Amino acid sequence: MTANLRILGREIELDCAPCDERRLTDLAVALEARLTGISGADDDIRRLALVALQLIDETQATSAALARARLEIERLTDLVVEAKLEAERPEPIEDERGRVGALRVAQGTA
């Protein structure tokens, strides 16, 4: 299968799987829109380079935000687990049953 793309006014044919043709076409349309939005660059290569740098910057910023979100999810999950464990702990026995002092009281020697 071949995807026929139009970028910077040029027809580009890319071999691809049939399931990828629509996605590649959509990506080419998005790229063309970004390229059209670049002003001050007359040279096609320069426009492509600027768009590529923008895309890499966006990707890195998104990856960093995703990593921060994952860390926050882990932190909150740990808090929930700790809270559940704390809630499941049996209450400590407050009286003297089972302690040495309790035996002395029972024997009258305390």
Protein backbone atom coordinates (compact mmCIF):
# COMPACT_ATOMS: atom_id res chain seq x y z
CA MET A 1 0.00 0.00 0.00
CA THR A 2 1.21 3.49 -0.75
CA ALA A 3 0.19 6.71 1.00
CA ASN A 4 0.17 9.76 -1.27
CA LEU A 5 1.03 12.81 0.79
CA ARG A 6 1.32 16.47 -0.12
CA ILE A 7 3.85 18.44 1.90
CA LEU A 8 5.16 21.87 0.93
CA GLY A 9 3.41 21.54 -2.40
CA ARG A 10 5.24 18.34 -3.24
CA GLU A 11 3.70 14.93 -3.73
CA ILE A 12 5.37 12.28 -1.61
CA GLU A 13 4.63 8.57 -1.88
CA LEU A 14 5.33 6.44 1.19
CA ASP A 15 5.01 2.68 1.37
CA CYS A 16 2.90 1.70 4.34
CA ALA A 17 0.50 -0.87 5.69
CA PRO A 18 -3.12 -0.36 4.64
CA CYS A 19 -4.05 0.46 8.24
CA ASP A 20 -1.46 3.30 8.32
CA GLU A 21 -2.49 5.15 5.16
CA ARG A 22 -5.17 7.32 6.80
CA ARG A 23 -2.96 8.16 9.77
CA LEU A 24 -0.06 9.21 7.52
CA THR A 25 -2.40 11.37 5.47
CA ASP A 26 -3.74 13.04 8.63
CA LEU A 27 -0.20 13.63 9.88
CA ALA A 28 0.82 15.17 6.54
CA VAL A 29 -2.18 17.52 6.72
CA ALA A 30 -1.22 18.54 10.27
CA LEU A 31 2.40 19.06 9.22
CA GLU A 32 1.33 21.16 6.25
CA ALA A 33 -0.82 23.31 8.56
CA ARG A 34 2.14 23.90 10.87
CA LEU A 35 4.40 24.70 7.94
CA THR A 36 1.88 27.23 6.66
CA GLY A 37 1.89 28.89 10.08
CA ILE A 38 5.65 29.50 10.03
CA SER A 39 6.41 33.06 9.05
CA GLY A 40 9.73 34.68 8.30
CA ALA A 41 11.26 31.58 6.72
CA ASP A 42 11.33 31.58 2.94
CA ASP A 43 13.33 28.39 2.58
CA ASP A 44 11.38 25.09 2.76
CA ILE A 45 14.20 23.33 4.62
CA ARG A 46 14.30 26.11 7.19
CA ARG A 47 10.51 25.86 7.69
CA LEU A 48 10.77 22.08 8.08
CA ALA A 49 13.58 22.48 10.60
CA LEU A 50 11.59 25.01 12.63
CA VAL A 51 8.51 22.77 12.71
CA ALA A 52 10.65 19.75 13.62
CA LEU A 53 12.18 21.69 16.53
CA GLN A 54 8.73 22.77 17.69
CA LEU A 55 7.47 19.20 17.58
CA ILE A 56 10.47 17.87 19.50
CA ASP A 57 10.05 20.61 22.10
CA GLU A 58 6.36 19.79 22.52
CA THR A 59 7.13 16.08 22.77
CA GLN A 60 9.76 16.62 25.45
CA ALA A 61 7.49 18.93 27.44
CA THR A 62 4.65 16.42 27.22
CA SER A 63 6.94 13.56 28.27
CA ALA A 64 8.16 15.54 31.27
CA ALA A 65 4.59 16.39 32.30
CA LEU A 66 3.61 12.74 31.93
CA ALA A 67 6.55 11.64 34.10
CA ARG A 68 5.53 14.17 36.79
CA ALA A 69 1.94 12.92 36.62
CA ARG A 70 3.08 9.30 37.01
CA LEU A 71 5.16 10.22 40.07
CA GLU A 72 2.18 12.03 41.58
CA ILE A 73 -0.06 9.02 40.92
CA GLU A 74 2.49 6.77 42.65
CA ARG A 75 2.70 9.15 45.61
CA LEU A 76 -1.09 9.31 45.96
CA THR A 77 -1.40 5.54 45.57
CA ASP A 78 1.14 5.07 48.37
CA LEU A 79 -0.88 7.43 50.58
CA VAL A 80 -4.08 5.48 49.91
CA VAL A 81 -2.39 2.15 50.66
CA GLU A 82 -0.90 3.53 53.89
CA ALA A 83 -4.29 4.90 54.94
CA LYS A 84 -5.97 1.54 54.27
CA LEU A 85 -3.29 -0.33 56.20
CA GLU A 86 -3.61 2.11 59.09
CA ALA A 87 -7.40 1.68 59.10
CA GLU A 88 -7.07 -2.12 59.15
CA ARG A 89 -4.65 -2.21 62.11
CA PRO A 90 -6.26 -3.51 65.26
CA GLU A 91 -6.59 -1.05 68.10
CA PRO A 92 -3.91 -1.56 70.76
CA ILE A 93 -5.14 -3.11 74.00
CA GLU A 94 -5.32 -0.36 76.58
CA ASP A 95 -5.94 -2.47 79.66
CA GLU A 96 -3.42 -4.57 81.55
CA ARG A 97 -4.73 -8.00 80.51
CA GLY A 98 -1.92 -10.29 79.45
CA ARG A 99 0.81 -8.19 81.05
CA VAL A 100 3.05 -9.07 83.95
CA GLY A 101 1.59 -6.21 86.01
CA ALA A 102 -1.87 -7.72 85.55
CA LEU A 103 -0.65 -11.01 87.07
CA ARG A 104 0.69 -9.23 90.12
CA VAL A 105 -2.61 -7.42 90.61
CA ALA A 106 -4.49 -10.69 90.26
CA GLN A 107 -2.22 -12.31 92.87
CA GLY A 108 -2.46 -9.31 95.12
CA THR A 109 1.24 -8.48 95.08
CA ALA A 110 1.19 -5.38 92.95
